[in-house]
Amino acid sequence: MMPYMSGGLVILNAITLGYYLFIQQPSPTQSLQTAQETLIHPLPFDNSAEHIPPLIGSED
């Protein structure tokens, strides 16, 4: 009796996993849409090395 139950649970688990991996398409969440937009339109970058003070002891 137990081998049949555990075998059935393994098969049921494999079917459920296959359904969620291959058949069902996930709906995009708000955070996923925001992340995709930032990848498509990246944030502007400022070179912060231009704004640092000169090294101590330099004559600049």
N, C-alpha and C. Protein backbone atom coordinates (compact mmCIF):
# COMPACT_ATOMS: atom_id res chain seq x y z
N MET A 1 0.83 -1.20 0.00
CA MET A 1 0.00 0.00 0.00
C MET A 1 0.87 1.26 0.00
N MET A 2 1.90 1.28 0.83
CA MET A 2 2.74 2.47 0.93
C MET A 2 3.55 2.73 -0.35
N PRO A 3 4.09 1.70 -1.02
CA PRO A 3 4.83 1.99 -2.26
C PRO A 3 3.93 2.63 -3.33
N TYR A 4 2.67 2.21 -3.37
CA TYR A 4 1.76 2.80 -4.34
C TYR A 4 1.45 4.25 -4.01
N MET A 5 1.29 4.53 -2.72
CA MET A 5 1.01 5.92 -2.31
C MET A 5 2.20 6.83 -2.59
N SER A 6 3.37 6.39 -2.23
CA SER A 6 4.54 7.25 -2.44
C SER A 6 4.84 7.38 -3.93
N GLY A 7 4.64 6.33 -4.70
CA GLY A 7 4.82 6.42 -6.15
C GLY A 7 3.81 7.37 -6.78
N GLY A 8 2.59 7.30 -6.30
CA GLY A 8 1.55 8.22 -6.79
C GLY A 8 1.87 9.66 -6.45
N LEU A 9 2.40 9.89 -5.24
CA LEU A 9 2.76 11.25 -4.86
C LEU A 9 3.92 11.78 -5.71
N VAL A 10 4.86 10.92 -6.04
CA VAL A 10 5.98 11.34 -6.89
C VAL A 10 5.47 11.72 -8.28
N ILE A 11 4.57 10.90 -8.83
CA ILE A 11 4.02 11.19 -10.15
C ILE A 11 3.19 12.47 -10.12
N LEU A 12 2.39 12.64 -9.07
CA LEU A 12 1.59 13.86 -8.93
C LEU A 12 2.48 15.08 -8.81
N ASN A 13 3.56 14.96 -8.06
CA ASN A 13 4.51 16.05 -7.92
C ASN A 13 5.17 16.38 -9.25
N ALA A 14 5.53 15.37 -10.04
CA ALA A 14 6.15 15.60 -11.35
C ALA A 14 5.17 16.28 -12.30
N ILE A 15 3.92 15.88 -12.27
CA ILE A 15 2.90 16.51 -13.12
C ILE A 15 2.71 17.97 -12.73
N THR A 16 2.63 18.24 -11.43
CA THR A 16 2.44 19.61 -10.95
C THR A 16 3.64 20.48 -11.31
N LEU A 17 4.84 19.95 -11.14
CA LEU A 17 6.04 20.69 -11.49
C LEU A 17 6.09 20.99 -12.99
N GLY A 18 5.77 20.00 -13.81
CA GLY A 18 5.75 20.20 -15.25
C GLY A 18 4.72 21.24 -15.66
N TYR A 19 3.58 21.25 -14.99
CA TYR A 19 2.55 22.24 -15.31
C TYR A 19 3.06 23.65 -15.02
N TYR A 20 3.62 23.86 -13.84
CA TYR A 20 4.06 25.20 -13.47
C TYR A 20 5.31 25.63 -14.22
N LEU A 21 6.13 24.70 -14.68
CA LEU A 21 7.34 25.08 -15.41
C LEU A 21 7.08 25.35 -16.88
N PHE A 22 6.21 24.57 -17.51
CA PHE A 22 6.10 24.62 -18.96
C PHE A 22 4.77 25.14 -19.48
N ILE A 23 3.69 24.90 -18.78
CA ILE A 23 2.37 25.23 -19.33
C ILE A 23 1.90 26.60 -18.87
N GLN A 24 1.92 26.84 -17.57
CA GLN A 24 1.40 28.10 -17.05
C GLN A 24 2.41 29.23 -17.25
N GLN A 25 1.95 30.31 -17.85
CA GLN A 25 2.79 31.49 -18.02
C GLN A 25 2.57 32.43 -16.85
N PRO A 26 3.64 32.83 -16.16
CA PRO A 26 3.46 33.70 -15.00
C PRO A 26 3.07 35.11 -15.43
N SER A 27 2.24 35.74 -14.63
CA SER A 27 1.86 37.12 -14.91
C SER A 27 2.91 38.05 -14.30
N PRO A 28 3.33 39.06 -15.04
CA PRO A 28 4.38 39.95 -14.52
C PRO A 28 3.84 40.82 -13.38
N THR A 29 4.64 40.95 -12.34
CA THR A 29 4.26 41.79 -11.20
C THR A 29 4.74 43.21 -11.44
N GLN A 30 4.34 44.11 -10.56
CA GLN A 30 4.72 45.51 -10.69
C GLN A 30 6.23 45.69 -10.53
N SER A 31 6.84 44.97 -9.59
CA SER A 31 8.28 45.10 -9.40
C SER A 31 9.05 44.55 -10.60
N LEU A 32 8.54 43.49 -11.23
CA LEU A 32 9.18 42.96 -12.43
C LEU A 32 9.08 43.94 -13.59
N GLN A 33 7.93 44.58 -13.75
CA GLN A 33 7.77 45.57 -14.81
C GLN A 33 8.69 46.76 -14.58
N THR A 34 8.85 47.20 -13.34
CA THR A 34 9.75 48.31 -13.03
C THR A 34 11.19 47.93 -13.33
N ALA A 35 11.59 46.72 -12.99
CA ALA A 35 12.95 46.27 -13.26
C ALA A 35 13.21 46.18 -14.76
N GLN A 36 12.24 45.70 -15.52
CA GLN A 36 12.42 45.62 -16.97
C GLN A 36 12.51 47.00 -17.59
N GLU A 37 11.75 47.97 -17.08
CA GLU A 37 11.82 49.33 -17.61
C GLU A 37 13.18 49.97 -17.32
N THR A 38 13.74 49.69 -16.15
CA THR A 38 15.05 50.27 -15.84
C THR A 38 16.14 49.60 -16.67
N LEU A 39 15.95 48.36 -17.08
CA LEU A 39 16.92 47.73 -17.96
C LEU A 39 16.84 48.31 -19.37
N ILE A 40 15.62 48.59 -19.82
CA ILE A 40 15.43 49.15 -21.16
C ILE A 40 15.86 50.62 -21.18
N HIS A 41 15.48 51.38 -20.16
CA HIS A 41 15.82 52.80 -20.05
C HIS A 41 16.65 52.98 -18.78
N PRO A 42 17.98 52.82 -18.88
CA PRO A 42 18.79 52.89 -17.66
C PRO A 42 18.81 54.29 -17.05
N LEU A 43 19.14 54.34 -15.79
CA LEU A 43 19.24 55.60 -15.08
C LEU A 43 20.45 56.38 -15.57
N PRO A 44 20.38 57.71 -15.57
CA PRO A 44 21.55 58.47 -16.00
C PRO A 44 22.71 58.30 -15.02
N PHE A 45 23.93 58.33 -15.55
CA PHE A 45 25.12 58.12 -14.74
C PHE A 45 25.96 59.37 -14.74
N ASP A 46 26.32 59.84 -13.54
CA ASP A 46 27.23 60.97 -13.40
C ASP A 46 28.56 60.44 -12.92
N ASN A 47 29.63 60.90 -13.55
CA ASN A 47 30.96 60.47 -13.14
C ASN A 47 31.31 61.20 -11.85
N SER A 48 31.31 60.48 -10.74
CA SER A 48 31.56 61.11 -9.45
C SER A 48 33.03 61.39 -9.22
N ALA A 49 33.92 60.86 -10.05
CA ALA A 49 35.35 61.11 -9.88
C ALA A 49 35.69 62.56 -10.21
N GLU A 50 34.84 63.24 -10.98
CA GLU A 50 35.10 64.64 -11.31
C GLU A 50 34.81 65.56 -10.12
N HIS A 51 34.08 65.11 -9.16
CA HIS A 51 33.62 65.97 -8.07
C HIS A 51 34.37 65.75 -6.76
N ILE A 52 35.33 64.85 -6.72
CA ILE A 52 36.04 64.61 -5.48
C ILE A 52 37.16 65.64 -5.30
N PRO A 53 37.48 65.99 -4.09
CA PRO A 53 38.54 66.98 -3.88
C PRO A 53 39.90 66.38 -4.22
N PRO A 54 40.90 67.21 -4.46
CA PRO A 54 42.22 66.69 -4.78
C PRO A 54 42.85 65.99 -3.58
N LEU A 55 43.83 65.16 -3.83
CA LEU A 55 44.52 64.44 -2.76
C LEU A 55 45.24 65.42 -1.85
N ILE A 56 45.35 65.08 -0.60
CA ILE A 56 46.06 65.92 0.36
C ILE A 56 47.53 65.96 -0.02
N GLY A 57 48.10 67.15 -0.09
CA GLY A 57 49.49 67.30 -0.41
C GLY A 57 49.74 67.57 -1.88
N SER A 58 48.70 67.54 -2.70
CA SER A 58 48.90 67.85 -4.11
C SER A 58 48.85 69.36 -4.30
N GLU A 59 49.39 69.87 -5.38
CA GLU A 59 49.48 71.30 -5.63
C GLU A 59 48.33 71.80 -6.50
N ASP A 60 47.31 71.00 -6.72
CA ASP A 60 46.18 71.43 -7.55
C ASP A 60 45.29 72.42 -6.83
